[in-house]
PDB file of all heavy atoms in Angstrom:
ATOM      1  N   ARG A   1      -3.934  14.469  -2.127  1.00  0.00           N
ATOM      2  CA  ARG A   1      -4.078  14.656  -3.561  1.00  0.00           C
ATOM      3  C   ARG A   1      -3.606  13.417  -4.279  1.00  0.00           C
ATOM      4  O   ARG A   1      -2.613  12.844  -3.919  1.00  0.00           O
ATOM      5  CB  ARG A   1      -3.172  15.900  -4.014  1.00  0.00           C
ATOM      6  CG  ARG A   1      -3.761  17.163  -3.439  1.00  0.00           C
ATOM      7  CD  ARG A   1      -2.986  18.391  -3.967  1.00  0.00           C
ATOM      8  NE  ARG A   1      -3.613  19.659  -3.554  1.00  0.00           N
ATOM      9  CZ  ARG A   1      -3.352  20.306  -2.346  1.00  0.00           C
ATOM     10  NH1 ARG A   1      -2.452  19.674  -1.544  1.00  0.00           N
ATOM     11  NH2 ARG A   1      -3.937  21.402  -2.140  1.00  0.00           N
ATOM     12  N   VAL A   2      -4.312  13.038  -5.230  1.00  0.00           N
ATOM     13  CA  VAL A   2      -3.950  11.849  -6.141  1.00  0.00           C
ATOM     14  C   VAL A   2      -2.657  12.021  -6.826  1.00  0.00           C
ATOM     15  O   VAL A   2      -2.553  13.055  -7.537  1.00  0.00           O
ATOM     16  CB  VAL A   2      -5.123  11.525  -7.041  1.00  0.00           C
ATOM     17  CG1 VAL A   2      -4.798  10.281  -7.823  1.00  0.00           C
ATOM     18  CG2 VAL A   2      -6.423  11.250  -6.318  1.00  0.00           C
ATOM     19  N   LYS A   3      -1.732  11.140  -6.695  1.00  0.00           N
ATOM     20  CA  LYS A   3      -0.408  11.225  -7.285  1.00  0.00           C
ATOM     21  C   LYS A   3      -0.341  10.422  -8.438  1.00  0.00           C
ATOM     22  O   LYS A   3      -0.794   9.266  -8.538  1.00  0.00           O
ATOM     23  CB  LYS A   3       0.646  10.903  -6.344  1.00  0.00           C
ATOM     24  CG  LYS A   3       0.664  11.764  -5.104  1.00  0.00           C
ATOM     25  CD  LYS A   3       1.621  11.212  -3.990  1.00  0.00           C
ATOM     26  CE  LYS A   3       1.550  12.097  -2.727  1.00  0.00           C
ATOM     27  NZ  LYS A   3       2.341  11.486  -1.633  1.00  0.00           N
ATOM     28  N   ARG A   4       0.208  10.758  -9.563  1.00  0.00           N
ATOM     29  CA  ARG A   4       0.468  10.053 -10.739  1.00  0.00           C
ATOM     30  C   ARG A   4       1.887   9.370 -10.693  1.00  0.00           C
ATOM     31  O   ARG A   4       2.757   9.789 -11.494  1.00  0.00           O
ATOM     32  CB  ARG A   4       0.332  10.916 -12.074  1.00  0.00           C
ATOM     33  CG  ARG A   4      -0.981  11.379 -12.331  1.00  0.00           C
ATOM     34  CD  ARG A   4      -1.904  10.200 -12.818  1.00  0.00           C
ATOM     35  NE  ARG A   4      -3.213  10.636 -13.158  1.00  0.00           N
ATOM     36  CZ  ARG A   4      -3.526  10.749 -14.469  1.00  0.00           C
ATOM     37  NH1 ARG A   4      -2.752  10.481 -15.414  1.00  0.00           N
ATOM     38  NH2 ARG A   4      -4.747  11.095 -14.751  1.00  0.00           N
ATOM     39  N   LYS A   5       1.882   8.326  -9.939  1.00  0.00           N
ATOM     40  CA  LYS A   5       3.198   7.553  -9.868  1.00  0.00           C
ATOM     41  C   LYS A   5       2.905   6.231  -9.196  1.00  0.00           C
ATOM     42  O   LYS A   5       1.876   6.008  -8.713  1.00  0.00           O
ATOM     43  CB  LYS A   5       4.340   8.317  -9.056  1.00  0.00           C
ATOM     44  CG  LYS A   5       4.064   8.580  -7.699  1.00  0.00           C
ATOM     45  CD  LYS A   5       5.298   9.242  -7.011  1.00  0.00           C
ATOM     46  CE  LYS A   5       5.088   9.353  -5.531  1.00  0.00           C
ATOM     47  NZ  LYS A   5       6.343   9.938  -4.890  1.00  0.00           N
ATOM     48  N   ASP A   6       3.837   5.360  -9.239  1.00  0.00           N
ATOM     49  CA  ASP A   6       3.762   4.002  -8.711  1.00  0.00           C
ATOM     50  C   ASP A   6       3.842   4.134  -7.123  1.00  0.00           C
ATOM     51  O   ASP A   6       4.775   4.608  -6.623  1.00  0.00           O
ATOM     52  CB  ASP A   6       4.932   3.108  -9.245  1.00  0.00           C
ATOM     53  CG  ASP A   6       4.754   1.632  -8.761  1.00  0.00           C
ATOM     54  OD1 ASP A   6       3.892   1.461  -7.820  1.00  0.00           O
ATOM     55  OD2 ASP A   6       5.340   0.870  -9.357  1.00  0.00           O
ATOM     56  N   PRO A   7       2.805   3.679  -6.358  1.00  0.00           N
ATOM     57  CA  PRO A   7       2.850   3.784  -4.901  1.00  0.00           C
ATOM     58  C   PRO A   7       3.924   2.917  -4.349  1.00  0.00           C
ATOM     59  O   PRO A   7       4.449   3.233  -3.143  1.00  0.00           O
ATOM     60  CB  PRO A   7       1.431   3.173  -4.511  1.00  0.00           C
ATOM     61  CG  PRO A   7       1.025   2.274  -5.668  1.00  0.00           C
ATOM     62  CD  PRO A   7       1.563   3.006  -6.880  1.00  0.00           C
ATOM     63  N   LYS A   8       4.531   1.984  -5.072  1.00  0.00           N
ATOM     64  CA  LYS A   8       5.652   1.142  -4.549  1.00  0.00           C
ATOM     65  C   LYS A   8       6.973   1.964  -4.459  1.00  0.00           C
ATOM     66  O   LYS A   8       7.902   1.498  -3.791  1.00  0.00           O
ATOM     67  CB  LYS A   8       5.829  -0.084  -5.320  1.00  0.00           C
ATOM     68  CG  LYS A   8       4.599  -1.097  -5.247  1.00  0.00           C
ATOM     69  CD  LYS A   8       4.708  -2.253  -6.297  1.00  0.00           C
ATOM     70  CE  LYS A   8       3.475  -3.055  -6.213  1.00  0.00           C
ATOM     71  NZ  LYS A   8       3.515  -4.225  -7.215  1.00  0.00           N
ATOM     72  N   ILE A   9       6.981   3.157  -4.978  1.00  0.00           N
ATOM     73  CA  ILE A   9       8.159   4.011  -4.844  1.00  0.00           C
ATOM     74  C   ILE A   9       8.111   4.511  -3.388  1.00  0.00           C
ATOM     75  O   ILE A   9       9.260   4.629  -2.850  1.00  0.00           O
ATOM     76  CB  ILE A   9       8.056   5.186  -5.844  1.00  0.00           C
ATOM     77  CG1 ILE A   9       8.151   4.765  -7.219  1.00  0.00           C
ATOM     78  CG2 ILE A   9       9.116   6.257  -5.563  1.00  0.00           C
ATOM     79  CD1 ILE A   9       7.922   5.755  -8.277  1.00  0.00           C
ATOM     80  N   ASP A  10       7.016   4.718  -2.802  1.00  0.00           N
ATOM     81  CA  ASP A  10       6.965   5.344  -1.432  1.00  0.00           C
ATOM     82  C   ASP A  10       6.641   4.422  -0.360  1.00  0.00           C
ATOM     83  O   ASP A  10       6.877   4.545   0.760  1.00  0.00           O
ATOM     84  CB  ASP A  10       5.910   6.412  -1.321  1.00  0.00           C
ATOM     85  CG  ASP A  10       6.327   7.611  -2.266  1.00  0.00           C
ATOM     86  OD1 ASP A  10       7.505   7.894  -2.514  1.00  0.00           O
ATOM     87  OD2 ASP A  10       5.403   8.392  -2.727  1.00  0.00           O
ATOM     88  N   TYR A  11       5.982   3.221  -0.850  1.00  0.00           N
ATOM     89  CA  TYR A  11       5.448   2.233   0.173  1.00  0.00           C
ATOM     90  C   TYR A  11       5.981   0.742  -0.117  1.00  0.00           C
ATOM     91  O   TYR A  11       6.099   0.413  -1.337  1.00  0.00           O
ATOM     92  CB  TYR A  11       4.036   2.210   0.227  1.00  0.00           C
ATOM     93  CG  TYR A  11       3.335   3.604   0.572  1.00  0.00           C
ATOM     94  CD1 TYR A  11       3.048   4.512  -0.319  1.00  0.00           C
ATOM     95  CD2 TYR A  11       3.080   3.791   1.954  1.00  0.00           C
ATOM     96  CE1 TYR A  11       2.522   5.806   0.112  1.00  0.00           C
ATOM     97  CE2 TYR A  11       2.593   5.053   2.327  1.00  0.00           C
ATOM     98  CZ  TYR A  11       2.291   6.030   1.389  1.00  0.00           C
ATOM     99  OH  TYR A  11       1.768   7.270   1.788  1.00  0.00           O
ATOM    100  N   ARG A  12       6.332   0.091   0.857  1.00  0.00           N
ATOM    101  CA  ARG A  12       6.805  -1.264   0.745  1.00  0.00           C
ATOM    102  C   ARG A  12       5.679  -2.180   1.000  1.00  0.00           C
ATOM    103  O   ARG A  12       5.087  -2.189   2.045  1.00  0.00           O
ATOM    104  CB  ARG A  12       7.940  -1.630   1.621  1.00  0.00           C
ATOM    105  CG  ARG A  12       8.504  -3.007   1.507  1.00  0.00           C
ATOM    106  CD  ARG A  12       9.782  -3.072   2.254  1.00  0.00           C
ATOM    107  NE  ARG A  12       9.686  -2.842   3.678  1.00  0.00           N
ATOM    108  CZ  ARG A  12      10.134  -1.699   4.237  1.00  0.00           C
ATOM    109  NH1 ARG A  12      10.651  -0.724   3.547  1.00  0.00           N
ATOM    110  NH2 ARG A  12       9.958  -1.400   5.541  1.00  0.00           N
ATOM    111  N   MET A  13       5.223  -2.979   0.067  1.00  0.00           N
ATOM    112  CA  MET A  13       4.040  -3.875   0.216  1.00  0.00           C
ATOM    113  C   MET A  13       4.359  -5.120   0.866  1.00  0.00           C
ATOM    114  O   MET A  13       5.481  -5.709   0.630  1.00  0.00           O
ATOM    115  CB  MET A  13       3.386  -4.232  -1.191  1.00  0.00           C
ATOM    116  CG  MET A  13       2.964  -2.923  -1.951  1.00  0.00           C
ATOM    117  SD  MET A  13       1.677  -2.012  -1.183  1.00  0.00           S
ATOM    118  CE  MET A  13       1.901  -0.346  -1.875  1.00  0.00           C
ATOM    119  N   SER A  14       3.540  -5.719   1.741  1.00  0.00           N
ATOM    120  CA  SER A  14       3.781  -7.001   2.327  1.00  0.00           C
ATOM    121  C   SER A  14       2.537  -7.956   2.190  1.00  0.00           C
ATOM    122  O   SER A  14       2.042  -8.023   1.032  1.00  0.00           O
ATOM    123  CB  SER A  14       4.132  -6.856   3.895  1.00  0.00           C
ATOM    124  OG  SER A  14       3.211  -5.995   4.519  1.00  0.00           O
ATOM    125  N   GLU A  15       2.094  -8.582   3.203  1.00  0.00           N
ATOM    126  CA  GLU A  15       1.068  -9.602   3.026  1.00  0.00           C
ATOM    127  C   GLU A  15      -0.313  -9.017   2.610  1.00  0.00           C
ATOM    128  O   GLU A  15      -0.720  -7.998   2.793  1.00  0.00           O
ATOM    129  CB  GLU A  15       0.859 -10.452   4.338  1.00  0.00           C
ATOM    130  CG  GLU A  15       0.271  -9.618   5.520  1.00  0.00           C
ATOM    131  CD  GLU A  15       1.197  -9.015   6.449  1.00  0.00           C
ATOM    132  OE1 GLU A  15       2.365  -8.663   5.997  1.00  0.00           O
ATOM    133  OE2 GLU A  15       0.904  -8.914   7.684  1.00  0.00           O
ATOM    134  N   GLU A  16      -0.963  -9.931   1.918  1.00  0.00           N
ATOM    135  CA  GLU A  16      -2.369  -9.621   1.457  1.00  0.00           C
ATOM    136  C   GLU A  16      -3.241  -9.721   2.643  1.00  0.00           C
ATOM    137  O   GLU A  16      -3.306 -10.586   3.475  1.00  0.00           O
ATOM    138  CB  GLU A  16      -2.902 -10.628   0.427  1.00  0.00           C
ATOM    139  CG  GLU A  16      -4.186 -10.361  -0.135  1.00  0.00           C
ATOM    140  CD  GLU A  16      -4.669 -11.295  -1.169  1.00  0.00           C
ATOM    141  OE1 GLU A  16      -3.776 -11.633  -2.048  1.00  0.00           O
ATOM    142  OE2 GLU A  16      -5.809 -11.827  -1.161  1.00  0.00           O
ATOM    143  N   LEU A  17      -4.183  -8.688   2.776  1.00  0.00           N
ATOM    144  CA  LEU A  17      -5.106  -8.529   3.905  1.00  0.00           C
ATOM    145  C   LEU A  17      -6.542  -9.044   3.487  1.00  0.00           C
ATOM    146  O   LEU A  17      -7.332  -9.494   4.339  1.00  0.00           O
ATOM    147  CB  LEU A  17      -5.162  -7.232   4.467  1.00  0.00           C
ATOM    148  CG  LEU A  17      -3.900  -6.603   5.005  1.00  0.00           C
ATOM    149  CD1 LEU A  17      -4.165  -5.199   5.490  1.00  0.00           C
ATOM    150  CD2 LEU A  17      -3.429  -7.514   6.185  1.00  0.00           C
ATOM    151  N   GLY A  18      -6.857  -8.934   2.193  1.00  0.00           N
ATOM    152  CA  GLY A  18      -8.152  -9.380   1.640  1.00  0.00           C
ATOM    153  C   GLY A  18      -8.430  -9.016   0.233  1.00  0.00           C
ATOM    154  O   GLY A  18      -7.585  -8.194  -0.322  1.00  0.00           O
ATOM    155  N   ARG A  19      -9.497  -9.508  -0.339  1.00  0.00           N
ATOM    156  CA  ARG A  19      -9.853  -9.209  -1.657  1.00  0.00           C
ATOM    157  C   ARG A  19     -11.277  -9.417  -1.794  1.00  0.00           C
ATOM    158  O   ARG A  19     -11.916 -10.005  -1.163  1.00  0.00           O
ATOM    159  CB  ARG A  19      -8.968 -10.089  -2.655  1.00  0.00           C
ATOM    160  CG  ARG A  19      -9.320 -11.616  -2.571  1.00  0.00           C
ATOM    161  CD  ARG A  19      -8.642 -12.315  -3.675  1.00  0.00           C
ATOM    162  NE  ARG A  19      -7.240 -12.179  -3.621  1.00  0.00           N
ATOM    163  CZ  ARG A  19      -6.356 -12.370  -4.615  1.00  0.00           C
ATOM    164  NH1 ARG A  19      -6.894 -12.542  -5.903  1.00  0.00           N
ATOM    165  NH2 ARG A  19      -5.162 -12.201  -4.604  1.00  0.00           N
ATOM    166  N   GLY A  20     -11.800  -8.676  -2.783  1.00  0.00           N
ATOM    167  CA  GLY A  20     -13.148  -8.774  -3.163  1.00  0.00           C
ATOM    168  C   GLY A  20     -13.506  -8.089  -4.433  1.00  0.00           C
ATOM    169  O   GLY A  20     -12.707  -7.988  -5.278  1.00  0.00           O
ATOM    170  N   LYS A  21     -14.784  -7.627  -4.612  1.00  0.00           N
ATOM    171  CA  LYS A  21     -15.185  -7.069  -5.836  1.00  0.00           C
ATOM    172  C   LYS A  21     -14.396  -5.715  -6.160  1.00  0.00           C
ATOM    173  O   LYS A  21     -14.276  -5.363  -7.354  1.00  0.00           O
ATOM    174  CB  LYS A  21     -16.711  -6.783  -5.779  1.00  0.00           C
ATOM    175  CG  LYS A  21     -17.137  -5.749  -4.764  1.00  0.00           C
ATOM    176  CD  LYS A  21     -18.597  -5.539  -4.771  1.00  0.00           C
ATOM    177  CE  LYS A  21     -19.050  -4.607  -3.650  1.00  0.00           C
ATOM    178  NZ  LYS A  21     -20.471  -4.320  -3.565  1.00  0.00           N
ATOM    179  N   PHE A  22     -13.909  -5.074  -5.119  1.00  0.00           N
ATOM    180  CA  PHE A  22     -13.134  -3.917  -5.409  1.00  0.00           C
ATOM    181  C   PHE A  22     -11.696  -4.020  -5.888  1.00  0.00           C
ATOM    182  O   PHE A  22     -11.159  -3.220  -6.450  1.00  0.00           O
ATOM    183  CB  PHE A  22     -13.079  -3.051  -4.097  1.00  0.00           C
ATOM    184  CG  PHE A  22     -12.591  -3.841  -2.897  1.00  0.00           C
ATOM    185  CD1 PHE A  22     -11.181  -4.013  -2.707  1.00  0.00           C
ATOM    186  CD2 PHE A  22     -13.397  -4.439  -1.963  1.00  0.00           C
ATOM    187  CE1 PHE A  22     -10.751  -4.804  -1.678  1.00  0.00           C
ATOM    188  CE2 PHE A  22     -12.921  -5.208  -0.983  1.00  0.00           C
ATOM    189  CZ  PHE A  22     -11.624  -5.374  -0.809  1.00  0.00           C
ATOM    190  N   GLY A  23     -11.091  -5.226  -5.545  1.00  0.00           N
ATOM    191  CA  GLY A  23      -9.687  -5.496  -5.833  1.00  0.00           C
ATOM    192  C   GLY A  23      -8.968  -6.207  -4.756  1.00  0.00           C
ATOM    193  O   GLY A  23      -9.578  -7.014  -4.019  1.00  0.00           O
ATOM    194  N   ILE A  24      -7.717  -5.722  -4.421  1.00  0.00           N
ATOM    195  CA  ILE A  24      -6.948  -6.408  -3.358  1.00  0.00           C
ATOM    196  C   ILE A  24      -6.469  -5.340  -2.337  1.00  0.00           C
ATOM    197  O   ILE A  24      -5.963  -4.331  -2.683  1.00  0.00           O
ATOM    198  CB  ILE A  24      -5.798  -7.200  -3.998  1.00  0.00           C
ATOM    199  CG1 ILE A  24      -6.396  -8.138  -5.061  1.00  0.00           C
ATOM    200  CG2 ILE A  24      -5.085  -8.027  -2.915  1.00  0.00           C
ATOM    201  CD1 ILE A  24      -5.319  -8.946  -5.811  1.00  0.00           C
ATOM    202  N   VAL A  25      -6.302  -5.751  -1.139  1.00  0.00           N
ATOM    203  CA  VAL A  25      -5.787  -4.832  -0.036  1.00  0.00           C
ATOM    204  C   VAL A  25      -4.585  -5.660   0.513  1.00  0.00           C
ATOM    205  O   VAL A  25      -4.566  -6.807   0.915  1.00  0.00           O
ATOM    206  CB  VAL A  25      -6.869  -4.690   1.148  1.00  0.00           C
ATOM    207  CG1 VAL A  25      -6.103  -3.808   2.199  1.00  0.00           C
ATOM    208  CG2 VAL A  25      -8.055  -4.058   0.494  1.00  0.00           C
ATOM    209  N   TYR A  26      -3.461  -4.852   0.599  1.00  0.00           N
ATOM    210  CA  TYR A  26      -2.201  -5.350   1.173  1.00  0.00           C
ATOM    211  C   TYR A  26      -1.792  -4.521   2.407  1.00  0.00           C
ATOM    212  O   TYR A  26      -2.084  -3.353   2.517  1.00  0.00           O
ATOM    213  CB  TYR A  26      -0.985  -5.261   0.169  1.00  0.00           C
ATOM    214  CG  TYR A  26      -1.194  -6.089  -1.067  1.00  0.00           C
ATOM    215  CD1 TYR A  26      -1.803  -5.559  -2.167  1.00  0.00           C
ATOM    216  CD2 TYR A  26      -0.832  -7.419  -1.066  1.00  0.00           C
ATOM    217  CE1 TYR A  26      -1.982  -6.313  -3.348  1.00  0.00           C
ATOM    218  CE2 TYR A  26      -0.929  -8.207  -2.246  1.00  0.00           C
ATOM    219  CZ  TYR A  26      -1.524  -7.669  -3.398  1.00  0.00           C
ATOM    220  OH  TYR A  26      -1.696  -8.395  -4.534  1.00  0.00           O
ATOM    221  N   LYS A  27      -0.999  -5.108   3.276  1.00  0.00           N
ATOM    222  CA  LYS A  27      -0.439  -4.369   4.409  1.00  0.00           C
ATOM    223  C   LYS A  27       0.696  -3.754   3.759  1.00  0.00           C
ATOM    224  O   LYS A  27       1.427  -4.351   2.935  1.00  0.00           O
ATOM    225  CB  LYS A  27       0.046  -5.302   5.568  1.00  0.00           C
ATOM    226  CG  LYS A  27       0.507  -4.541   6.696  1.00  0.00           C
ATOM    227  CD  LYS A  27       0.698  -5.430   7.900  1.00  0.00           C
ATOM    228  CE  LYS A  27       1.243  -4.763   9.140  1.00  0.00           C
ATOM    229  NZ  LYS A  27       1.466  -5.709  10.301  1.00  0.00           N
ATOM    230  N   CYS A  28       1.080  -2.535   4.239  1.00  0.00           N
ATOM    231  CA  CYS A  28       2.230  -1.840   3.567  1.00  0.00           C
ATOM    232  C   CYS A  28       2.878  -0.932   4.606  1.00  0.00           C
ATOM    233  O   CYS A  28       2.333  -0.679   5.725  1.00  0.00           O
ATOM    234  CB  CYS A  28       1.782  -0.975   2.308  1.00  0.00           C
ATOM    235  SG  CYS A  28       0.821   0.469   2.753  1.00  0.00           S
ATOM    236  N   THR A  29       4.167  -0.523   4.316  1.00  0.00           N
ATOM    237  CA  THR A  29       4.955   0.400   5.185  1.00  0.00           C
ATOM    238  C   THR A  29       5.409   1.532   4.428  1.00  0.00           C
ATOM    239  O   THR A  29       5.942   1.396   3.335  1.00  0.00           O
ATOM    240  CB  THR A  29       6.068  -0.344   5.850  1.00  0.00           C
ATOM    241  OG1 THR A  29       5.703  -1.531   6.493  1.00  0.00           O
ATOM    242  CG2 THR A  29       6.861   0.515   6.762  1.00  0.00           C
ATOM    243  N   GLU A  30       5.158   2.745   5.003  1.00  0.00           N
ATOM    244  CA  GLU A  30       5.674   3.930   4.334  1.00  0.00           C
ATOM    245  C   GLU A  30       7.159   3.938   4.508  1.00  0.00           C
ATOM    246  O   GLU A  30       7.667   3.954   5.717  1.00  0.00           O
ATOM    247  CB  GLU A  30       5.060   5.158   4.905  1.00  0.00           C
ATOM    248  CG  GLU A  30       5.442   6.430   4.227  1.00  0.00           C
ATOM    249  CD  GLU A  30       4.727   7.739   4.740  1.00  0.00           C
ATOM    250  OE1 GLU A  30       4.379   7.683   5.849  1.00  0.00           O
ATOM    251  OE2 GLU A  30       4.483   8.631   3.885  1.00  0.00           O
ATOM    252  N   LYS A  31       7.899   3.940   3.472  1.00  0.00           N
ATOM    253  CA  LYS A  31       9.426   3.912   3.562  1.00  0.00           C
ATOM    254  C   LYS A  31       9.986   5.085   4.259  1.00  0.00           C
ATOM    255  O   LYS A  31      10.932   4.873   5.092  1.00  0.00           O
ATOM    256  CB  LYS A  31      10.053   3.853   2.154  1.00  0.00           C
ATOM    257  CG  LYS A  31       9.614   2.547   1.356  1.00  0.00           C
ATOM    258  CD  LYS A  31      10.214   2.599  -0.142  1.00  0.00           C
ATOM    259  CE  LYS A  31       9.765   1.373  -0.811  1.00  0.00           C
ATOM    260  NZ  LYS A  31      10.287   1.455  -2.198  1.00  0.00           N
ATOM    261  N   LYS A  32       9.409   6.225   4.198  1.00  0.00           N
ATOM    262  CA  LYS A  32       9.992   7.364   4.813  1.00  0.00           C
ATOM    263  C   LYS A  32       9.805   7.363   6.304  1.00  0.00           C
ATOM    264  O   LYS A  32      10.702   7.890   7.128  1.00  0.00           O
ATOM    265  CB  LYS A  32       9.419   8.634   4.207  1.00  0.00           C
ATOM    266  CG  LYS A  32       9.942   9.996   4.768  1.00  0.00           C
ATOM    267  CD  LYS A  32       9.424  11.194   3.972  1.00  0.00           C
ATOM    268  CE  LYS A  32       8.003  11.361   4.031  1.00  0.00           C
ATOM    269  NZ  LYS A  32       7.437  12.505   3.372  1.00  0.00           N
ATOM    270  N   THR A  33       8.604   6.931   6.766  1.00  0.00           N
ATOM    271  CA  THR A  33       8.325   7.033   8.239  1.00  0.00           C
ATOM    272  C   THR A  33       8.248   5.724   8.987  1.00  0.00           C
ATOM    273  O   THR A  33       8.335   5.655  10.283  1.00  0.00           O
ATOM    274  CB  THR A  33       6.967   7.727   8.466  1.00  0.00           C
ATOM    275  OG1 THR A  33       5.983   6.906   7.871  1.00  0.00           O
ATOM    276  CG2 THR A  33       6.973   9.052   7.707  1.00  0.00           C
ATOM    277  N   GLY A  34       8.172   4.628   8.213  1.00  0.00           N
ATOM    278  CA  GLY A  34       7.999   3.366   8.880  1.00  0.00           C
ATOM    279  C   GLY A  34       6.613   3.041   9.344  1.00  0.00           C
ATOM    280  O   GLY A  34       6.382   2.044   9.952  1.00  0.00           O
ATOM    281  N   LYS A  35       5.611   3.952   9.071  1.00  0.00           N
ATOM    282  CA  LYS A  35       4.278   3.791   9.530  1.00  0.00           C
ATOM    283  C   LYS A  35       3.611   2.674   8.687  1.00  0.00           C
ATOM    284  O   LYS A  35       3.806   2.495   7.505  1.00  0.00           O
ATOM    285  CB  LYS A  35       3.517   5.120   9.167  1.00  0.00           C
ATOM    286  CG  LYS A  35       2.100   5.110   9.710  1.00  0.00           C
ATOM    287  CD  LYS A  35       1.310   6.413   9.397  1.00  0.00           C
ATOM    288  CE  LYS A  35       1.919   7.564  10.215  1.00  0.00           C
ATOM    289  NZ  LYS A  35       1.785   7.346  11.590  1.00  0.00           N
ATOM    290  N   HIS A  36       2.898   1.781   9.465  1.00  0.00           N
ATOM    291  CA  HIS A  36       2.242   0.699   8.900  1.00  0.00           C
ATOM    292  C   HIS A  36       0.724   1.070   8.438  1.00  0.00           C
ATOM    293  O   HIS A  36       0.006   1.637   9.171  1.00  0.00           O
ATOM    294  CB  HIS A  36       2.070  -0.430   9.886  1.00  0.00           C
ATOM    295  CG  HIS A  36       3.353  -1.069  10.306  1.00  0.00           C
ATOM    296  ND1 HIS A  36       4.281  -1.585   9.376  1.00  0.00           N
ATOM    297  CD2 HIS A  36       4.016  -1.158  11.477  1.00  0.00           C
ATOM    298  CE1 HIS A  36       5.403  -1.995   9.977  1.00  0.00           C
ATOM    299  NE2 HIS A  36       5.196  -1.688  11.326  1.00  0.00           N
ATOM    300  N   LEU A  37       0.433   0.816   7.133  1.00  0.00           N
ATOM    301  CA  LEU A  37      -0.795   1.199   6.671  1.00  0.00           C
ATOM    302  C   LEU A  37      -1.329   0.146   5.783  1.00  0.00           C
ATOM    303  O   LEU A  37      -0.879  -1.059   5.779  1.00  0.00           O
ATOM    304  CB  LEU A  37      -0.600   2.556   5.783  1.00  0.00           C
ATOM    305  CG  LEU A  37      -0.126   3.703   6.531  1.00  0.00           C
ATOM    306  CD1 LEU A  37       0.837   4.608   5.702  1.00  0.00           C
ATOM    307  CD2 LEU A  37      -1.247   4.446   7.119  1.00  0.00           C
ATOM    308  N   ALA A  38      -2.534   0.393   5.118  1.00  0.00           N
ATOM    309  CA  ALA A  38      -3.160  -0.624   4.169  1.00  0.00           C
ATOM    310  C   ALA A  38      -3.243  -0.024   2.772  1.00  0.00           C
ATOM    311  O   ALA A  38      -3.593   1.115   2.594  1.00  0.00           O
ATOM    312  CB  ALA A  38      -4.498  -0.998   4.645  1.00  0.00           C
ATOM    313  N   ALA A  39      -2.900  -0.819   1.723  1.00  0.00           N
ATOM    314  CA  ALA A  39      -2.915  -0.385   0.402  1.00  0.00           C
ATOM    315  C   ALA A  39      -4.004  -1.062  -0.326  1.00  0.00           C
ATOM    316  O   ALA A  39      -4.011  -2.292  -0.419  1.00  0.00           O
ATOM    317  CB  ALA A  39      -1.553  -0.651  -0.313  1.00  0.00           C
TER     318      ALA A  39
END
């Protein structure tokens, strides 16, 4: 479900993975679980 809050509250952003017409993608880590994902 789409949440109305800043994703950086729950996820720690790190290096940029790519960018294009859609915007920018970063590697990130969920603070609660340590799971590595893409933002």
